[in-house]
């Protein structure tokens, strides 16, 4: 059956319901595996930051390092499969490239690698592999359950990915926005509605199973917008942008350093060992940081500890991600943002600024750093609002998130998601296409004066491999063109000789463009003719010949954003 022309149809809406339900169950299963490992390894149901303390401190580097080695073996097998089969495993890449399916084996082995990293305390989030597995579940449902429906498999994958993320953070709207914003590069309503339905069903499933609460406890507190709090919000936004840039920079440098180690198990083992060393200063850097965020929001961390933990978490995350530990950046970014926001507000309060409840700036920082790292500000602000269920945070979160994203963008930092970088490149190419001028693409063109012979025109055409030769006067004004086809025909009909002047066969009404017209106007000019080249003049009044514009050059320019 052919695929529906529009993404929004009743089929996609109906499919979104079971996909959302299945995706939420997959994320619960992954969470259960992590909890089982905690029970087996630490005999505890607590988060890793507390569970690790059942072992003496000198064992911590060994535990995290050994987890990295095991993760490396799984990841090495997955990457070997990807290279041999030239697969794209990441669900965002599958959605963006409109591929047929999420690869099963590589997704599962990457998930096992992530379980080993997360279970041993690597500083990565759970959301990455959880959403990947949800996307894999959606892909399998699309291939086996909805094969006969008029629906692309990549659209089912997108629904499952949004539902998986919504299950993790209980933020359906933000999750739908994330997939649309990152993978599609747009937030078009037609593609967004099935994602919203799938995400909402996933959260409703979680609620029906007893997981119904705000992720972070800020539902009752009220943010007081004033000149002082606005100033602090702006400062948090700028600093969050710089911090986001620093996170991406440190991860990039870490990847460069770890890339010298070709053996994946050794690479992840060293990364885990290094994180374990940092954990000696504070176990709060271990894991994704969820429970630490709750502690920070409750005011249980002093300023010095906040700043120390901020630095340590930055380093731990760079080491874990840089060593190729499979996991997400969402929750680590949220923790770093919470630490930054509370630190800035606390310092402002100590300086005498009436900032009110400094702990509320944890949410502001969370949205800002997440927006900076992901370069998806709309998703970041919606996610924090949904996780805190606090509408009073709307304006400060919006301001800080957009400001942080702009800072990172102006610093020309690539996103932590390569798909976003490609979307930005296409957007920039589109702007260049709309604002560029024809003068940027002028090439030389064969030109003769009216008195020169048709024989010379034939020779120039053969040398330049051009169908038309342009005719200009002594002042280089454009007069018209001669067609090599017309010359050959007239010579064969004995209407011309090789010594005849080209003025006898000159076409004075040949279409042209001007050097300061936009590229889009040049494109439209080519759309009216079947020519490969058009003469370029300086302006309509002087009509001085400048060269030629080729259709190929415009196609290459358009290729960058198509």
Protein backbone atom coordinates (compact mmCIF):
# COMPACT_ATOMS: atom_id res chain seq x y z
CA UNK A 1 0.00 0.00 0.00
CA UNK A 2 1.37 3.45 -0.84
CA UNK A 3 2.39 5.78 1.93
CA UNK A 4 -0.05 8.56 2.76
CA UNK A 5 0.88 11.93 1.32
CA UNK A 6 0.39 13.77 4.59
CA UNK A 7 1.85 12.70 7.95
CA UNK A 8 -1.40 13.55 9.76
CA UNK A 9 -4.15 11.02 9.11
CA UNK A 10 -6.46 8.77 11.09
CA UNK A 11 -4.12 5.83 10.65
CA UNK A 12 -1.22 7.59 12.36
CA UNK A 13 -3.48 8.82 15.17
CA UNK A 14 -4.79 5.32 15.89
CA UNK A 15 -1.32 3.75 15.70
CA UNK A 16 0.02 6.31 18.20
CA UNK A 17 -2.09 4.83 21.02
CA UNK A 18 -0.64 1.28 21.17
CA UNK A 19 2.83 2.58 20.33
CA UNK A 20 2.73 4.96 23.30
CA UNK A 21 1.57 2.20 25.64
CA UNK A 22 4.25 -0.26 24.46
CA UNK A 23 7.02 2.34 24.66
CA UNK A 24 6.20 3.13 28.29
CA UNK A 25 6.37 -0.57 29.20
CA UNK A 26 9.77 -0.90 27.51
CA UNK A 27 11.18 1.98 29.56
CA UNK A 28 9.80 0.40 32.72
CA UNK A 29 11.54 -2.85 31.78
CA UNK A 30 14.87 -1.07 31.33
CA UNK A 31 14.43 0.68 34.67
CA UNK A 32 13.72 -2.71 36.27
CA UNK A 33 16.95 -4.19 34.89
CA UNK A 34 18.97 -1.32 36.38
CA UNK A 35 17.26 -1.81 39.75
CA UNK A 36 18.00 -5.55 39.61
CA UNK A 37 21.69 -4.83 39.02
CA UNK A 38 21.67 -2.46 42.01
CA UNK A 39 20.22 -5.23 44.19
CA UNK A 40 22.75 -7.77 42.95
CA UNK A 41 25.78 -5.49 43.12
CA UNK A 42 24.98 -3.32 46.14
CA UNK A 43 22.15 -5.24 47.89
CA UNK A 44 20.23 -1.97 47.89
CA UNK A 45 17.24 -0.39 46.21
CA UNK A 46 18.72 3.10 46.59
CA UNK A 47 20.13 5.22 43.80
CA UNK A 48 23.78 4.67 42.88
CA UNK A 49 24.99 7.73 44.84
CA UNK A 50 23.90 6.09 48.10
CA UNK A 51 24.23 2.45 47.06
CA UNK A 52 27.93 2.82 46.21
CA UNK A 53 28.74 3.61 49.84
CA UNK A 54 28.12 -0.02 50.87
CA UNK A 55 31.57 -0.69 49.41
CA UNK A 56 34.74 0.97 50.81
CA UNK A 57 35.92 4.06 48.95
CA UNK A 58 38.95 2.39 47.41
CA UNK A 59 36.62 -0.02 45.56
CA UNK A 60 34.67 2.74 43.81
CA UNK A 61 37.14 3.32 40.94
CA UNK A 62 37.36 -0.44 40.38
CA UNK A 63 33.57 -0.87 40.27
CA UNK A 64 32.99 2.01 37.83
CA UNK A 65 36.04 0.96 35.80
CA UNK A 66 34.98 -2.69 35.57
CA UNK A 67 31.53 -1.55 34.48
CA UNK A 68 33.22 0.49 31.77
CA UNK A 69 35.20 -2.55 30.57
CA UNK A 70 32.04 -4.66 30.31
CA UNK A 71 30.24 -1.79 28.57
CA UNK A 72 33.15 -1.52 26.16
CA UNK A 73 32.87 -5.16 25.07
CA UNK A 74 29.18 -4.74 24.26
CA UNK A 75 29.73 -1.41 22.49
CA UNK A 76 32.66 -2.80 20.51
CA UNK A 77 30.44 -5.57 19.12
CA UNK A 78 27.68 -3.08 18.27
CA UNK A 79 30.03 -0.70 16.44
CA UNK A 80 31.59 -3.62 14.54
CA UNK A 81 28.13 -4.58 13.29
CA UNK A 82 27.40 -0.97 12.33
CA UNK A 83 30.64 -0.63 10.36
CA UNK A 84 30.25 -3.94 8.53
CA UNK A 85 26.63 -3.28 7.56
CA UNK A 86 26.88 0.55 7.30
CA UNK A 87 23.93 0.83 9.70
CA UNK A 88 22.48 3.90 11.37
CA UNK A 89 21.41 2.75 14.83
CA UNK A 90 20.51 6.04 16.54
CA UNK A 91 16.75 6.57 16.45
CA UNK A 92 17.14 10.26 15.59
CA UNK A 93 19.18 9.35 12.53
CA UNK A 94 16.59 6.74 11.50
CA UNK A 95 13.78 9.30 11.78
CA UNK A 96 15.72 12.07 10.04
CA UNK A 97 16.85 9.86 7.14
CA UNK A 98 13.37 8.26 6.87
CA UNK A 99 14.93 4.78 7.08
CA UNK A 100 12.90 1.58 7.13
CA UNK A 101 13.85 0.29 10.57
CA UNK A 102 15.90 0.71 13.74
CA UNK A 103 18.55 -2.06 13.69
CA UNK A 104 17.74 -4.68 16.33
CA UNK A 105 21.10 -6.22 17.22
CA UNK A 106 23.07 -3.00 17.47
CA UNK A 107 20.33 -1.33 19.53
CA UNK A 108 20.24 -4.24 21.99
CA UNK A 109 24.01 -4.42 22.39
CA UNK A 110 24.23 -0.67 22.85
CA UNK A 111 21.53 -1.00 25.50
CA UNK A 112 23.57 -3.72 27.26
CA UNK A 113 26.60 -1.43 27.13
CA UNK A 114 24.52 1.35 28.64
CA UNK A 115 23.21 -0.95 31.39
CA UNK A 116 26.79 -1.85 32.31
CA UNK A 117 27.82 1.83 32.41
CA UNK A 118 24.75 3.07 34.30
CA UNK A 119 24.66 0.12 36.69
CA UNK A 120 28.27 0.73 37.71
CA UNK A 121 27.82 4.49 38.21
CA UNK A 122 28.98 6.18 34.98
CA UNK A 123 27.91 9.82 34.76
CA UNK A 124 25.37 9.38 31.97
CA UNK A 125 21.59 9.50 31.89
CA UNK A 126 19.22 6.61 31.50
CA UNK A 127 17.01 8.36 28.98
CA UNK A 128 19.24 7.70 25.94
CA UNK A 129 19.09 3.89 25.91
CA UNK A 130 15.52 3.87 27.25
CA UNK A 131 14.31 5.98 24.34
CA UNK A 132 16.45 3.97 21.89
CA UNK A 133 14.78 0.75 23.07
CA UNK A 134 11.35 2.39 22.87
CA UNK A 135 12.19 3.43 19.30
CA UNK A 136 13.29 -0.14 18.54
CA UNK A 137 9.96 -1.39 19.93
CA UNK A 138 8.11 1.09 17.69
CA UNK A 139 10.18 -0.01 14.70
CA UNK A 140 9.31 -3.66 15.29
CA UNK A 141 5.63 -2.79 15.74
CA UNK A 142 5.74 -0.85 12.48
CA UNK A 143 7.34 -3.76 10.63
CA UNK A 144 5.24 -6.59 12.01
CA UNK A 145 1.99 -5.10 13.37
CA UNK A 146 1.32 -2.18 11.03
CA UNK A 147 3.06 -3.44 7.89
CA UNK A 148 -0.10 -3.24 5.76
CA UNK A 149 -0.98 0.30 6.84
CA UNK A 150 -0.23 3.41 4.81
CA UNK A 151 2.39 4.63 7.27
CA UNK A 152 6.16 4.96 7.03
CA UNK A 153 8.07 2.98 9.62
CA UNK A 154 10.15 6.02 10.52
CA UNK A 155 6.95 7.80 11.62
CA UNK A 156 6.13 4.92 13.99
CA UNK A 157 9.70 5.13 15.31
CA UNK A 158 9.19 8.85 15.96
CA UNK A 159 5.99 8.16 17.93
CA UNK A 160 7.75 5.50 20.02
CA UNK A 161 10.76 7.75 20.68
CA UNK A 162 8.53 10.58 21.88
CA UNK A 163 6.55 8.15 24.05
CA UNK A 164 9.74 6.69 25.53
CA UNK A 165 11.07 10.10 26.47
CA UNK A 166 7.68 11.07 27.92
CA UNK A 167 7.74 7.91 30.06
CA UNK A 168 11.11 8.87 31.51
CA UNK A 169 10.29 12.47 32.39
CA UNK A 170 6.46 12.50 32.54
CA UNK A 171 6.59 15.39 30.05
CA UNK A 172 4.49 14.47 27.00
CA UNK A 173 4.43 17.83 25.26
CA UNK A 174 8.16 18.46 25.69
CA UNK A 175 8.92 14.94 24.46
CA UNK A 176 6.83 15.37 21.33
CA UNK A 177 8.43 18.75 20.70
CA UNK A 178 11.90 17.23 21.16
CA UNK A 179 11.44 14.59 18.48
CA UNK A 180 9.87 17.09 16.08
CA UNK A 181 12.49 19.75 16.84
CA UNK A 182 15.54 17.49 16.71
CA UNK A 183 14.74 14.73 14.23
CA UNK A 184 12.35 16.49 11.84
CA UNK A 185 13.88 19.93 12.19
CA UNK A 186 10.38 21.40 12.34
CA UNK A 187 7.43 21.59 14.69
CA UNK A 188 4.79 21.22 12.00
CA UNK A 189 1.36 20.50 13.45
CA UNK A 190 0.65 17.62 11.06
CA UNK A 191 3.68 15.67 12.28
CA UNK A 192 3.36 16.78 15.90
CA UNK A 193 -0.18 15.61 16.71
CA UNK A 194 0.53 11.84 16.55
CA UNK A 195 3.62 12.39 18.71
CA UNK A 196 1.58 14.27 21.32
CA UNK A 197 -1.04 11.50 21.39
CA UNK A 198 1.62 8.80 21.72
CA UNK A 199 3.47 10.72 24.47
CA UNK A 200 0.24 11.45 26.37
CA UNK A 201 -0.83 7.79 26.23
CA UNK A 202 2.60 6.79 27.55
CA UNK A 203 2.26 9.12 30.57
CA UNK A 204 -1.32 7.93 31.19
CA UNK A 205 0.00 4.36 31.19
CA UNK A 206 2.65 5.32 33.74
CA UNK A 207 0.00 7.01 35.91
CA UNK A 208 -2.27 3.95 35.76
CA UNK A 209 0.64 1.82 36.98
CA UNK A 210 1.16 4.06 40.01
CA UNK A 211 3.87 6.41 38.75
CA UNK A 212 1.93 9.65 39.14
CA UNK A 213 3.75 12.65 40.56
CA UNK A 214 5.77 15.66 39.52
CA UNK A 215 9.35 14.60 38.84
CA UNK A 216 10.75 17.52 40.82
CA UNK A 217 9.05 19.02 43.94
CA UNK A 218 8.39 22.61 42.91
CA UNK A 219 4.65 22.51 42.28
CA UNK A 220 3.68 24.83 45.17
CA UNK A 221 6.51 27.41 45.19
CA UNK A 222 5.90 30.69 43.37
CA UNK A 223 8.50 32.56 41.34
CA UNK A 224 8.26 36.32 41.96
CA UNK A 225 9.18 38.21 38.80
CA UNK A 226 10.95 41.48 39.70
CA UNK A 227 13.89 43.53 38.37
CA UNK A 228 16.23 41.62 40.69
CA UNK A 229 14.97 38.15 39.77
CA UNK A 230 14.90 39.12 36.09
CA UNK A 231 18.54 40.23 36.29
CA UNK A 232 19.51 36.93 37.93
CA UNK A 233 17.51 35.04 35.30
CA UNK A 234 19.39 36.81 32.52
CA UNK A 235 22.69 36.05 34.21
CA UNK A 236 21.75 32.38 34.63
CA UNK A 237 20.82 32.25 30.94
CA UNK A 238 24.17 33.68 29.81
CA UNK A 239 26.20 31.51 32.20
CA UNK A 240 24.17 28.45 31.20
CA UNK A 241 25.00 29.15 27.57
CA UNK A 242 28.70 29.33 28.42
CA UNK A 243 28.35 26.18 30.55
CA UNK A 244 26.59 24.36 27.70
CA UNK A 245 29.42 25.37 25.40
CA UNK A 246 31.91 24.12 28.00
CA UNK A 247 30.11 20.77 28.31
CA UNK A 248 30.18 20.23 24.55
CA UNK A 249 33.81 21.39 24.39
CA UNK A 250 34.94 19.11 27.22
CA UNK A 251 33.12 16.14 25.73
CA UNK A 252 34.76 16.85 22.37
CA UNK A 253 38.22 17.07 23.93
CA UNK A 254 37.55 13.95 25.97
CA UNK A 255 36.53 12.04 22.84
CA UNK A 256 39.72 13.17 21.11
CA UNK A 257 41.87 11.93 23.98
CA UNK A 258 40.03 8.63 24.37
CA UNK A 259 40.07 8.04 20.59
CA UNK A 260 43.77 7.22 20.93
CA UNK A 261 42.70 4.04 22.75
CA UNK A 262 41.37 1.71 20.05
CA UNK A 263 40.30 -1.03 22.45
CA UNK A 264 36.73 -0.16 23.50
CA UNK A 265 36.66 -2.20 26.73
CA UNK A 266 39.95 -0.58 27.81
CA UNK A 267 38.68 2.86 26.80
CA UNK A 268 35.45 2.60 28.80
CA UNK A 269 37.31 0.96 31.66
CA UNK A 270 39.75 3.87 31.95
CA UNK A 271 36.87 6.34 31.69
CA UNK A 272 34.99 4.52 34.43
CA UNK A 273 38.08 4.34 36.63
CA UNK A 274 38.60 8.11 36.26
CA UNK A 275 34.97 8.77 37.23
CA UNK A 276 35.42 6.50 40.23
CA UNK A 277 38.44 8.57 41.31
CA UNK A 278 36.30 11.72 41.16
CA UNK A 279 33.61 9.93 43.15
CA UNK A 280 36.00 9.77 46.12
CA UNK A 281 35.42 13.51 46.50
CA UNK A 282 31.63 13.09 46.18
CA UNK A 283 29.48 10.13 45.19
CA UNK A 284 26.86 12.65 44.06
CA UNK A 285 28.61 12.79 40.67
CA UNK A 286 27.73 9.16 39.98
CA UNK A 287 24.72 8.17 37.92
CA UNK A 288 22.42 10.57 36.12
CA UNK A 289 21.93 12.86 39.12
CA UNK A 290 18.15 12.73 39.61
CA UNK A 291 18.19 12.30 43.39
CA UNK A 292 20.89 14.99 43.71
CA UNK A 293 18.62 17.46 41.90
CA UNK A 294 15.88 16.72 44.43
CA UNK A 295 18.35 17.36 47.27
CA UNK A 296 19.50 20.63 45.70
CA UNK A 297 15.90 21.77 45.23
CA UNK A 298 15.23 20.99 48.89
CA UNK A 299 18.05 23.31 49.91
CA UNK A 300 20.20 20.53 51.31
CA UNK A 301 23.48 21.61 49.69
CA UNK A 302 25.69 24.53 50.77
CA UNK A 303 27.24 26.99 48.29
CA UNK A 304 30.78 25.56 48.44
CA UNK A 305 29.44 22.07 47.92
CA UNK A 306 27.29 23.30 45.03
CA UNK A 307 30.29 24.78 43.23
CA UNK A 308 32.48 21.73 43.89
CA UNK A 309 29.79 19.37 42.69
CA UNK A 310 29.23 21.52 39.59
CA UNK A 311 32.90 21.19 38.58
CA UNK A 312 33.09 17.49 39.40
CA UNK A 313 29.88 16.67 37.50
CA UNK A 314 31.16 18.54 34.44
CA UNK A 315 34.35 16.47 34.49
CA UNK A 316 32.59 13.18 35.24
CA UNK A 317 30.11 13.67 32.41
CA UNK A 318 32.88 14.60 29.96
CA UNK A 319 34.86 11.49 30.97
CA UNK A 320 31.89 9.13 30.74
CA UNK A 321 30.56 10.43 27.43
CA UNK A 322 34.04 10.96 26.01
CA UNK A 323 35.00 7.36 26.70
CA UNK A 324 31.95 6.25 24.68
CA UNK A 325 29.69 5.21 27.57
CA UNK A 326 26.23 4.75 26.04
CA UNK A 327 23.70 7.00 27.74
CA UNK A 328 21.93 10.32 27.59
CA UNK A 329 22.93 13.87 28.45
CA UNK A 330 19.51 15.03 29.61
CA UNK A 331 19.66 14.39 33.34
CA UNK A 332 23.38 15.23 33.73
CA UNK A 333 22.59 18.53 31.99
CA UNK A 334 19.62 19.08 34.31
CA UNK A 335 21.80 18.51 37.39
CA UNK A 336 24.51 20.85 36.13
CA UNK A 337 21.83 23.45 35.39
CA UNK A 338 20.26 23.08 38.84
CA UNK A 339 23.66 23.50 40.52
CA UNK A 340 24.44 26.54 38.36
CA UNK A 341 21.06 28.21 38.92
CA UNK A 342 21.08 27.82 42.71
CA UNK A 343 24.74 28.88 42.94
CA UNK A 344 24.16 32.08 40.97
CA UNK A 345 20.99 32.95 42.92
CA UNK A 346 22.70 32.21 46.24
CA UNK A 347 25.65 34.46 45.39
CA UNK A 348 23.24 37.20 44.27
CA UNK A 349 21.41 36.89 47.59
CA UNK A 350 24.67 37.17 49.52
CA UNK A 351 25.40 40.37 47.59
CA UNK A 352 22.13 41.84 48.83
CA UNK A 353 19.89 41.30 45.83
CA UNK A 354 16.25 40.44 46.71
CA UNK A 355 16.10 37.17 44.74
CA UNK A 356 13.40 35.56 46.89
CA UNK A 357 13.55 31.78 46.96
CA UNK A 358 16.98 31.02 45.46
CA UNK A 359 16.08 27.35 45.09
CA UNK A 360 13.58 28.17 42.33
CA UNK A 361 16.51 29.11 40.13
CA UNK A 362 17.41 25.43 40.06
CA UNK A 363 14.57 24.95 37.55
CA UNK A 364 15.65 28.03 35.59
CA UNK A 365 19.19 26.70 35.35
CA UNK A 366 17.97 23.23 34.41
CA UNK A 367 16.02 24.53 31.42
CA UNK A 368 18.82 26.85 30.35
CA UNK A 369 21.65 24.29 30.40
CA UNK A 370 19.47 21.65 28.74
CA UNK A 371 18.58 24.15 26.01
CA UNK A 372 22.25 25.02 25.54
CA UNK A 373 23.44 21.41 25.30
CA UNK A 374 20.61 20.15 23.08
CA UNK A 375 20.00 23.43 21.20
CA UNK A 376 16.30 22.65 21.44
CA UNK A 377 15.07 25.51 23.67
CA UNK A 378 11.36 24.89 23.15
CA UNK A 379 11.74 21.32 24.32
CA UNK A 380 13.86 22.38 27.32
CA UNK A 381 11.44 24.98 28.64
CA UNK A 382 8.41 22.73 28.21
CA UNK A 383 10.14 19.77 29.83
CA UNK A 384 11.09 21.70 32.97
CA UNK A 385 7.59 23.16 33.26
CA UNK A 386 6.03 19.71 32.93
CA UNK A 387 8.46 18.11 35.37
CA UNK A 388 7.89 20.75 38.06
CA UNK A 389 4.18 21.44 37.37
CA UNK A 390 4.89 25.07 38.26
CA UNK A 391 3.38 27.59 35.85
CA UNK A 392 5.00 30.56 37.66
CA UNK A 393 8.33 29.42 36.17
CA UNK A 394 7.11 29.94 32.61
CA UNK A 395 8.65 33.35 31.92
CA UNK A 396 12.03 32.92 33.64
CA UNK A 397 12.43 29.48 32.08
CA UNK A 398 11.57 30.84 28.62
CA UNK A 399 13.99 33.74 28.97
CA UNK A 400 16.89 31.67 30.29
CA UNK A 401 16.42 28.79 27.85
CA UNK A 402 16.28 30.99 24.76
CA UNK A 403 19.19 33.14 25.95
CA UNK A 404 21.35 30.08 26.70
CA UNK A 405 20.59 28.53 23.31
CA UNK A 406 21.45 31.80 21.57
CA UNK A 407 24.76 32.07 23.43
CA UNK A 408 25.77 28.58 22.33
CA UNK A 409 24.61 29.26 18.79
CA UNK A 410 26.58 32.49 18.61
CA UNK A 411 29.65 30.67 19.88
CA UNK A 412 29.15 28.43 16.82
CA UNK A 413 29.23 25.27 18.90
CA UNK A 414 27.91 22.08 17.36
CA UNK A 415 25.02 20.46 19.17
CA UNK A 416 25.41 17.27 21.19
CA UNK A 417 22.99 15.87 18.58
CA UNK A 418 24.61 15.76 15.08
CA UNK A 419 21.14 15.90 13.51
CA UNK A 420 20.68 19.40 14.96
CA UNK A 421 23.94 20.59 13.42
CA UNK A 422 22.75 19.40 10.01
CA UNK A 423 19.42 21.18 10.49
CA UNK A 424 21.29 24.38 11.34
CA UNK A 425 23.48 23.95 8.27
CA UNK A 426 20.42 23.52 6.06
CA UNK A 427 18.78 26.56 7.66
CA UNK A 428 21.92 28.63 7.08
CA UNK A 429 22.08 27.45 3.47
CA UNK A 430 18.45 28.46 3.02
CA UNK A 431 19.20 31.95 4.34
CA UNK A 432 22.25 32.19 2.06
CA UNK A 433 20.09 31.16 -0.88
CA UNK A 434 17.48 33.79 -0.08
CA UNK A 435 19.97 36.58 0.65
CA UNK A 436 22.88 35.79 -1.67
CA UNK A 437 23.35 37.62 -4.95
CA UNK A 438 24.14 36.41 -8.45
CA UNK A 439 27.49 38.22 -8.45
CA UNK A 440 28.82 35.46 -6.14
CA UNK A 441 28.42 32.87 -8.91
CA UNK A 442 29.54 34.67 -12.06
CA UNK A 443 31.80 32.66 -14.39
CA UNK A 444 33.50 33.82 -17.58
CA UNK A 445 31.52 33.59 -20.80
CA UNK A 446 32.61 33.47 -24.44
CA UNK A 447 32.06 36.93 -25.98
CA UNK A 448 32.70 38.41 -29.44
CA UNK A 449 32.09 41.75 -31.09
CA UNK A 450 29.45 42.16 -33.88
CA UNK A 451 31.94 42.41 -36.74
CA UNK A 452 33.77 39.17 -35.91
CA UNK A 453 33.11 36.12 -38.10
CA UNK A 454 30.80 33.19 -37.52
CA UNK A 455 33.83 30.97 -38.10
CA UNK A 456 35.45 32.46 -35.03
CA UNK A 457 32.18 31.97 -33.13
CA UNK A 458 32.28 28.26 -34.02
CA UNK A 459 35.89 28.01 -32.88
CA UNK A 460 35.20 29.79 -29.57
CA UNK A 461 32.14 27.62 -28.97
CA UNK A 462 34.14 24.44 -29.55
CA UNK A 463 36.90 25.61 -27.21
CA UNK A 464 34.54 26.72 -24.44
CA UNK A 465 31.97 23.97 -25.08
CA UNK A 466 29.10 26.45 -25.04
CA UNK A 467 25.94 26.46 -27.18
CA UNK A 468 25.73 30.26 -27.28
CA UNK A 469 28.33 32.97 -27.80
CA UNK A 470 27.61 36.39 -26.32
CA UNK A 471 27.96 39.52 -28.44
CA UNK A 472 29.24 42.77 -26.90
CA UNK A 473 30.34 46.13 -28.31
CA UNK A 474 33.60 48.00 -27.74
CA UNK A 475 32.22 49.41 -24.45
CA UNK A 476 31.45 45.83 -23.30
CA UNK A 477 27.70 46.43 -23.49
CA UNK A 478 25.65 43.32 -24.05
CA UNK A 479 23.98 43.24 -27.48
CA UNK A 480 22.70 39.69 -27.79
CA UNK A 481 23.83 36.13 -28.53
CA UNK A 482 24.45 33.86 -31.47
CA UNK A 483 23.38 30.23 -31.45
CA UNK A 484 25.90 27.70 -32.74
CA UNK A 485 22.99 25.59 -33.92
CA UNK A 486 21.62 28.51 -35.99
CA UNK A 487 25.06 29.22 -37.47
CA UNK A 488 25.55 25.59 -38.51
CA UNK A 489 22.08 25.43 -40.05
CA UNK A 490 22.53 28.63 -42.05
CA UNK A 491 25.96 27.56 -43.31
CA UNK A 492 24.53 24.24 -44.49
CA UNK A 493 21.71 26.19 -46.23
CA UNK A 494 24.35 28.47 -47.79
CA UNK A 495 22.81 31.51 -46.13
CA UNK A 496 26.14 32.25 -44.40
CA UNK A 497 29.83 31.66 -44.93
CA UNK A 498 32.50 31.24 -42.26
CA UNK A 499 33.54 34.85 -42.96
CA UNK A 500 30.07 36.33 -42.36
CA UNK A 501 29.81 38.67 -39.33
CA UNK A 502 28.01 37.29 -36.30
CA UNK A 503 25.71 40.32 -36.33
CA UNK A 504 23.76 38.62 -39.16
CA UNK A 505 22.56 35.83 -36.84
CA UNK A 506 22.48 37.70 -33.52
CA UNK A 507 19.44 37.31 -31.23
CA UNK A 508 18.90 40.66 -29.52
CA UNK A 509 16.06 39.48 -27.22
CA UNK A 510 17.97 36.83 -25.31
CA UNK A 511 17.03 36.55 -21.58
CA UNK A 512 19.54 37.82 -19.02
CA UNK A 513 19.98 38.45 -15.29
CA UNK A 514 21.73 41.21 -13.34
CA UNK A 515 24.62 40.84 -10.91
CA UNK A 516 22.83 42.29 -7.87
CA UNK A 517 19.69 40.20 -8.22
CA UNK A 518 19.20 37.52 -5.57
CA UNK A 519 20.04 33.87 -6.11
CA UNK A 520 16.34 33.10 -5.85
CA UNK A 521 15.62 35.52 -8.71
CA UNK A 522 18.29 33.77 -10.75
CA UNK A 523 16.62 30.43 -9.97
CA UNK A 524 13.27 31.83 -11.13
CA UNK A 525 14.87 33.10 -14.33
CA UNK A 526 16.13 29.62 -15.16
CA UNK A 527 12.67 28.22 -14.46
CA UNK A 528 11.34 30.23 -17.42
CA UNK A 529 13.83 28.84 -19.98
CA UNK A 530 15.54 25.59 -20.97
CA UNK A 531 19.04 27.09 -20.98
CA UNK A 532 22.06 25.97 -18.97
CA UNK A 533 23.61 29.47 -18.85
CA UNK A 534 22.36 33.02 -18.73
CA UNK A 535 24.37 36.20 -19.39
CA UNK A 536 24.92 38.44 -16.35
CA UNK A 537 24.83 42.23 -16.79
CA UNK A 538 25.78 44.94 -14.32
CA UNK A 539 22.39 46.73 -14.38
CA UNK A 540 19.39 47.31 -16.70
CA UNK A 541 20.60 50.79 -17.68
CA UNK A 542 24.25 50.24 -18.65
CA UNK A 543 23.87 46.56 -19.58
CA UNK A 544 27.58 45.91 -19.24
CA UNK A 545 28.46 42.24 -19.75
CA UNK A 546 29.91 40.70 -16.55
CA UNK A 547 29.99 36.98 -17.40
CA UNK A 548 27.54 34.08 -17.12
CA UNK A 549 25.45 32.35 -14.48
CA UNK A 550 25.22 28.55 -14.71
CA UNK A 551 22.26 26.43 -13.64
CA UNK A 552 24.68 23.94 -12.07
CA UNK A 553 26.02 26.53 -9.61
CA UNK A 554 22.49 27.28 -8.39
CA UNK A 555 21.62 23.58 -8.06
CA UNK A 556 24.74 23.05 -5.94
CA UNK A 557 23.74 25.98 -3.75
CA UNK A 558 20.21 24.61 -3.33
CA UNK A 559 21.53 21.12 -2.59
CA UNK A 560 22.86 22.35 0.77
CA UNK A 561 19.34 22.81 2.18
CA UNK A 562 17.25 20.32 0.19
